[in-house]
Amino acid sequence: MVRRKLSSALLSATLTTEDGSSPPKLVGIVGVDVSLVDTVQNRQYTRTEAETAVKMAVGGLPPSKRREWGKKSVPEIANELLDESVVAVAVLSNLAVDPGTRRMGIGRGTKK
């Protein structure tokens, strides 16, 4: 299986009781993905487009450089090998907060 260059993660927020008498309660969760954005065209790449752009940028290098750049992060690759208008960004998606804990800043806490 091929390892994806654009990583993703789920971040969660939990609440605990002050005395610790009950287990932590999951109150919020959000997906975070690395993506590419073209700042001139004002367009976010799809996951497939971004993966392809990164692979093509690294794949176009000589073999000795390919090994070196294959280990670098997407922001490093975007900054050095892609057009200057293309930047790597973190994209938040599918923020979900427990209805009983809304308006308490849980979403803000998950985004930090």
N, C-alpha and C. Protein backbone atom coordinates (compact mmCIF):
# COMPACT_ATOMS: atom_id res chain seq x y z
N MET A 1 0.84 -1.18 0.00
CA MET A 1 0.00 0.00 0.00
C MET A 1 0.89 1.24 0.00
N VAL A 2 0.55 2.21 -0.83
CA VAL A 2 1.33 3.42 -0.97
C VAL A 2 0.94 4.41 0.13
N ARG A 3 1.94 5.00 0.75
CA ARG A 3 1.70 5.98 1.80
C ARG A 3 1.31 7.31 1.17
N ARG A 4 0.24 7.91 1.67
CA ARG A 4 -0.20 9.21 1.17
C ARG A 4 0.73 10.30 1.68
N LYS A 5 0.98 11.29 0.84
CA LYS A 5 1.80 12.43 1.25
C LYS A 5 0.97 13.43 2.04
N LEU A 6 -0.29 13.59 1.69
CA LEU A 6 -1.14 14.56 2.37
C LEU A 6 -1.80 13.89 3.56
N SER A 7 -1.35 14.26 4.72
CA SER A 7 -1.83 13.59 5.92
C SER A 7 -3.18 14.14 6.37
N SER A 8 -3.84 13.38 7.22
CA SER A 8 -5.10 13.80 7.80
C SER A 8 -5.16 13.26 9.22
N ALA A 9 -5.99 13.89 10.02
CA ALA A 9 -6.11 13.48 11.42
C ALA A 9 -7.48 13.87 11.95
N LEU A 10 -7.86 13.22 13.03
CA LEU A 10 -9.06 13.61 13.77
C LEU A 10 -8.60 14.16 15.11
N LEU A 11 -9.10 15.33 15.47
CA LEU A 11 -8.80 15.94 16.77
C LEU A 11 -10.08 15.88 17.59
N SER A 12 -9.91 15.59 18.86
CA SER A 12 -11.09 15.49 19.72
C SER A 12 -10.94 16.37 20.95
N ALA A 13 -12.07 16.71 21.53
CA ALA A 13 -12.11 17.47 22.78
C ALA A 13 -12.90 16.65 23.79
N THR A 14 -12.41 16.59 24.99
CA THR A 14 -13.09 15.85 26.06
C THR A 14 -13.27 16.76 27.27
N LEU A 15 -14.27 16.46 28.06
CA LEU A 15 -14.49 17.15 29.33
C LEU A 15 -14.37 16.11 30.45
N THR A 16 -13.74 16.52 31.50
CA THR A 16 -13.63 15.64 32.67
C THR A 16 -14.27 16.34 33.86
N THR A 17 -14.74 15.55 34.79
CA THR A 17 -15.31 16.14 36.01
C THR A 17 -14.16 16.64 36.87
N GLU A 18 -14.43 17.66 37.67
CA GLU A 18 -13.37 18.25 38.49
C GLU A 18 -12.77 17.24 39.46
N ASP A 19 -13.60 16.37 39.99
CA ASP A 19 -13.08 15.40 40.96
C ASP A 19 -12.56 14.13 40.30
N GLY A 20 -12.73 14.01 38.98
CA GLY A 20 -12.23 12.83 38.26
C GLY A 20 -13.03 11.58 38.53
N SER A 21 -14.26 11.73 39.04
CA SER A 21 -15.06 10.57 39.43
C SER A 21 -15.63 9.80 38.24
N SER A 22 -15.71 10.44 37.08
CA SER A 22 -16.21 9.72 35.91
C SER A 22 -15.21 9.87 34.76
N PRO A 23 -15.27 8.93 33.82
CA PRO A 23 -14.33 8.99 32.70
C PRO A 23 -14.56 10.24 31.84
N PRO A 24 -13.55 10.68 31.10
CA PRO A 24 -13.71 11.85 30.23
C PRO A 24 -14.85 11.62 29.23
N LYS A 25 -15.58 12.68 28.91
CA LYS A 25 -16.70 12.62 27.97
C LYS A 25 -16.27 13.29 26.67
N LEU A 26 -16.40 12.57 25.57
CA LEU A 26 -16.11 13.14 24.26
C LEU A 26 -17.18 14.17 23.93
N VAL A 27 -16.76 15.42 23.69
CA VAL A 27 -17.74 16.48 23.43
C VAL A 27 -17.55 17.16 22.07
N GLY A 28 -16.45 16.88 21.40
CA GLY A 28 -16.24 17.49 20.08
C GLY A 28 -15.20 16.74 19.29
N ILE A 29 -15.34 16.81 17.98
CA ILE A 29 -14.37 16.16 17.10
C ILE A 29 -14.34 16.93 15.78
N VAL A 30 -13.16 17.00 15.16
CA VAL A 30 -13.01 17.70 13.88
C VAL A 30 -11.95 16.98 13.04
N GLY A 31 -12.18 16.93 11.75
CA GLY A 31 -11.20 16.38 10.82
C GLY A 31 -10.25 17.48 10.35
N VAL A 32 -8.98 17.15 10.22
CA VAL A 32 -7.98 18.09 9.72
C VAL A 32 -7.21 17.39 8.60
N ASP A 33 -7.16 18.03 7.44
CA ASP A 33 -6.45 17.48 6.29
C ASP A 33 -5.44 18.49 5.78
N VAL A 34 -4.32 18.00 5.26
CA VAL A 34 -3.39 18.87 4.55
C VAL A 34 -3.86 18.92 3.11
N SER A 35 -3.89 20.12 2.55
CA SER A 35 -4.31 20.29 1.17
C SER A 35 -3.47 21.36 0.51
N LEU A 36 -3.70 21.57 -0.77
CA LEU A 36 -3.02 22.63 -1.52
C LEU A 36 -4.05 23.64 -1.99
N VAL A 37 -3.68 24.90 -1.97
CA VAL A 37 -4.54 25.97 -2.44
C VAL A 37 -3.75 26.82 -3.42
N ASP A 38 -4.37 27.14 -4.55
CA ASP A 38 -3.79 28.07 -5.51
C ASP A 38 -4.33 29.44 -5.15
N THR A 39 -3.46 30.32 -4.65
CA THR A 39 -3.90 31.63 -4.17
C THR A 39 -4.22 32.60 -5.30
N VAL A 40 -3.73 32.35 -6.50
CA VAL A 40 -4.04 33.21 -7.64
C VAL A 40 -5.41 32.85 -8.21
N GLN A 41 -5.64 31.55 -8.41
CA GLN A 41 -6.92 31.09 -8.96
C GLN A 41 -8.00 30.96 -7.88
N ASN A 42 -7.60 31.16 -6.61
CA ASN A 42 -8.55 31.07 -5.49
C ASN A 42 -9.26 29.73 -5.49
N ARG A 43 -8.47 28.65 -5.54
CA ARG A 43 -9.03 27.31 -5.70
C ARG A 43 -8.29 26.32 -4.82
N GLN A 44 -9.07 25.50 -4.12
CA GLN A 44 -8.48 24.42 -3.33
C GLN A 44 -8.40 23.17 -4.20
N TYR A 45 -7.26 22.50 -4.18
CA TYR A 45 -7.10 21.25 -4.91
C TYR A 45 -7.91 20.15 -4.24
N THR A 46 -8.43 19.22 -5.02
CA THR A 46 -9.02 18.02 -4.43
C THR A 46 -7.88 17.18 -3.88
N ARG A 47 -8.19 16.19 -3.06
CA ARG A 47 -7.13 15.32 -2.52
C ARG A 47 -6.34 14.66 -3.64
N THR A 48 -7.04 14.16 -4.65
CA THR A 48 -6.37 13.49 -5.77
C THR A 48 -5.47 14.46 -6.53
N GLU A 49 -5.97 15.66 -6.80
CA GLU A 49 -5.18 16.67 -7.51
C GLU A 49 -3.93 17.06 -6.71
N ALA A 50 -4.10 17.24 -5.40
CA ALA A 50 -2.97 17.63 -4.56
C ALA A 50 -1.93 16.51 -4.49
N GLU A 51 -2.38 15.27 -4.30
CA GLU A 51 -1.45 14.14 -4.27
C GLU A 51 -0.69 14.04 -5.60
N THR A 52 -1.40 14.22 -6.70
CA THR A 52 -0.78 14.14 -8.02
C THR A 52 0.23 15.27 -8.21
N ALA A 53 -0.12 16.49 -7.80
CA ALA A 53 0.80 17.63 -7.94
C ALA A 53 2.09 17.40 -7.16
N VAL A 54 1.96 16.89 -5.94
CA VAL A 54 3.14 16.62 -5.11
C VAL A 54 3.98 15.51 -5.72
N LYS A 55 3.33 14.42 -6.15
CA LYS A 55 4.06 13.30 -6.75
C LYS A 55 4.77 13.72 -8.04
N MET A 56 4.09 14.53 -8.86
CA MET A 56 4.69 14.98 -10.12
C MET A 56 5.89 15.90 -9.86
N ALA A 57 5.77 16.76 -8.86
CA ALA A 57 6.87 17.68 -8.53
C ALA A 57 8.10 16.91 -8.09
N VAL A 58 7.90 15.93 -7.23
CA VAL A 58 9.03 15.12 -6.74
C VAL A 58 9.50 14.16 -7.84
N GLY A 59 8.56 13.59 -8.58
CA GLY A 59 8.90 12.63 -9.64
C GLY A 59 9.69 13.25 -10.79
N GLY A 60 9.59 14.56 -10.97
CA GLY A 60 10.32 15.24 -12.04
C GLY A 60 11.77 15.55 -11.70
N LEU A 61 12.18 15.21 -10.50
CA LEU A 61 13.56 15.47 -10.07
C LEU A 61 14.46 14.30 -10.45
N PRO A 62 15.78 14.54 -10.52
CA PRO A 62 16.71 13.43 -10.74
C PRO A 62 16.59 12.42 -9.59
N PRO A 63 16.93 11.14 -9.86
CA PRO A 63 16.77 10.09 -8.83
C PRO A 63 17.40 10.41 -7.47
N SER A 64 18.58 10.99 -7.47
CA SER A 64 19.24 11.29 -6.19
C SER A 64 18.44 12.33 -5.40
N LYS A 65 17.88 13.30 -6.07
CA LYS A 65 17.07 14.33 -5.41
C LYS A 65 15.69 13.79 -5.02
N ARG A 66 15.17 12.85 -5.83
CA ARG A 66 13.85 12.27 -5.56
C ARG A 66 13.82 11.61 -4.18
N ARG A 67 14.87 10.87 -3.85
CA ARG A 67 14.93 10.21 -2.54
C ARG A 67 14.91 11.25 -1.43
N GLU A 68 15.69 12.30 -1.59
CA GLU A 68 15.78 13.36 -0.59
C GLU A 68 14.42 14.07 -0.42
N TRP A 69 13.82 14.47 -1.54
CA TRP A 69 12.58 15.21 -1.49
C TRP A 69 11.38 14.33 -1.15
N GLY A 70 11.47 13.04 -1.41
CA GLY A 70 10.38 12.13 -1.06
C GLY A 70 10.14 12.05 0.43
N LYS A 71 11.13 12.42 1.22
CA LYS A 71 11.02 12.37 2.69
C LYS A 71 10.55 13.69 3.28
N LYS A 72 10.48 14.73 2.47
CA LYS A 72 10.11 16.05 2.98
C LYS A 72 8.60 16.19 3.13
N SER A 73 8.20 17.17 3.90
CA SER A 73 6.77 17.41 4.14
C SER A 73 6.13 18.11 2.94
N VAL A 74 4.82 18.05 2.88
CA VAL A 74 4.08 18.70 1.80
C VAL A 74 4.34 20.22 1.79
N PRO A 75 4.33 20.91 2.94
CA PRO A 75 4.64 22.35 2.89
C PRO A 75 6.03 22.64 2.31
N GLU A 76 7.02 21.82 2.66
CA GLU A 76 8.36 22.02 2.10
C GLU A 76 8.36 21.81 0.59
N ILE A 77 7.68 20.76 0.14
CA ILE A 77 7.60 20.48 -1.30
C ILE A 77 6.87 21.62 -2.02
N ALA A 78 5.75 22.07 -1.45
CA ALA A 78 4.98 23.15 -2.08
C ALA A 78 5.80 24.44 -2.15
N ASN A 79 6.50 24.76 -1.08
CA ASN A 79 7.29 26.00 -1.05
C ASN A 79 8.44 25.99 -2.04
N GLU A 80 9.05 24.85 -2.26
CA GLU A 80 10.26 24.79 -3.08
C GLU A 80 10.03 24.30 -4.51
N LEU A 81 9.07 23.39 -4.71
CA LEU A 81 8.96 22.73 -6.01
C LEU A 81 7.72 23.12 -6.81
N LEU A 82 6.70 23.62 -6.15
CA LEU A 82 5.48 23.99 -6.88
C LEU A 82 5.47 25.49 -7.16
N ASP A 83 4.55 25.90 -8.01
CA ASP A 83 4.41 27.32 -8.35
C ASP A 83 4.25 28.13 -7.07
N GLU A 84 4.76 29.35 -7.06
CA GLU A 84 4.71 30.16 -5.84
C GLU A 84 3.28 30.50 -5.39
N SER A 85 2.32 30.38 -6.28
CA SER A 85 0.92 30.65 -5.91
C SER A 85 0.27 29.47 -5.20
N VAL A 86 0.93 28.32 -5.20
CA VAL A 86 0.37 27.12 -4.57
C VAL A 86 0.98 26.95 -3.18
N VAL A 87 0.11 26.91 -2.18
CA VAL A 87 0.57 26.77 -0.80
C VAL A 87 -0.13 25.60 -0.11
N ALA A 88 0.57 25.01 0.83
CA ALA A 88 -0.02 23.93 1.64
C ALA A 88 -0.77 24.57 2.80
N VAL A 89 -1.95 24.03 3.08
CA VAL A 89 -2.79 24.56 4.15
C VAL A 89 -3.40 23.42 4.95
N ALA A 90 -3.81 23.73 6.16
CA ALA A 90 -4.58 22.78 6.97
C ALA A 90 -6.06 23.12 6.77
N VAL A 91 -6.85 22.11 6.43
CA VAL A 91 -8.27 22.31 6.18
C VAL A 91 -9.07 21.57 7.25
N LEU A 92 -9.93 22.31 7.93
CA LEU A 92 -10.80 21.72 8.94
C LEU A 92 -12.09 21.27 8.28
N SER A 93 -12.59 20.11 8.66
CA SER A 93 -13.84 19.63 8.09
C SER A 93 -14.63 18.86 9.13
N ASN A 94 -15.93 18.86 8.96
CA ASN A 94 -16.83 18.04 9.76
C ASN A 94 -16.67 18.25 11.27
N LEU A 95 -16.71 19.50 11.69
CA LEU A 95 -16.68 19.80 13.11
C LEU A 95 -18.01 19.36 13.73
N ALA A 96 -17.93 18.54 14.75
CA ALA A 96 -19.14 18.07 15.44
C ALA A 96 -18.96 18.31 16.94
N VAL A 97 -19.98 18.91 17.55
CA VAL A 97 -19.95 19.19 18.99
C VAL A 97 -21.21 18.62 19.62
N ASP A 98 -21.04 17.97 20.76
CA ASP A 98 -22.16 17.41 21.51
C ASP A 98 -23.19 18.52 21.77
N PRO A 99 -24.47 18.27 21.45
CA PRO A 99 -25.49 19.32 21.62
C PRO A 99 -25.56 19.88 23.05
N GLY A 100 -25.29 19.06 24.03
CA GLY A 100 -25.36 19.53 25.41
C GLY A 100 -24.21 20.44 25.81
N THR A 101 -23.19 20.53 25.00
CA THR A 101 -22.03 21.36 25.34
C THR A 101 -21.80 22.48 24.33
N ARG A 102 -22.78 22.73 23.50
CA ARG A 102 -22.64 23.83 22.53
C ARG A 102 -22.62 25.18 23.24
N ARG A 103 -22.02 26.16 22.58
CA ARG A 103 -21.88 27.54 23.08
C ARG A 103 -20.93 27.61 24.28
N MET A 104 -20.04 26.60 24.40
CA MET A 104 -19.04 26.60 25.48
C MET A 104 -17.62 26.77 24.96
N GLY A 105 -17.46 26.99 23.66
CA GLY A 105 -16.12 27.17 23.09
C GLY A 105 -15.42 25.87 22.75
N ILE A 106 -16.14 24.75 22.71
CA ILE A 106 -15.55 23.45 22.40
C ILE A 106 -14.95 23.47 21.00
N GLY A 107 -15.68 24.00 20.02
CA GLY A 107 -15.19 24.07 18.64
C GLY A 107 -13.91 24.87 18.56
N ARG A 108 -13.86 25.99 19.28
CA ARG A 108 -12.64 26.81 19.30
C ARG A 108 -11.48 26.01 19.88
N GLY A 109 -11.76 25.24 20.92
CA GLY A 109 -10.72 24.42 21.55
C GLY A 109 -10.19 23.33 20.65
N THR A 110 -11.05 22.74 19.84
CA THR A 110 -10.62 21.67 18.94
C THR A 110 -9.78 22.22 17.80
N LYS A 111 -9.96 23.48 17.45
CA LYS A 111 -9.23 24.07 16.32
C LYS A 111 -7.85 24.55 16.69
N LYS A 112 -7.49 24.59 17.96
CA LYS A 112 -6.17 25.11 18.36
C LYS A 112 -5.10 24.09 18.21
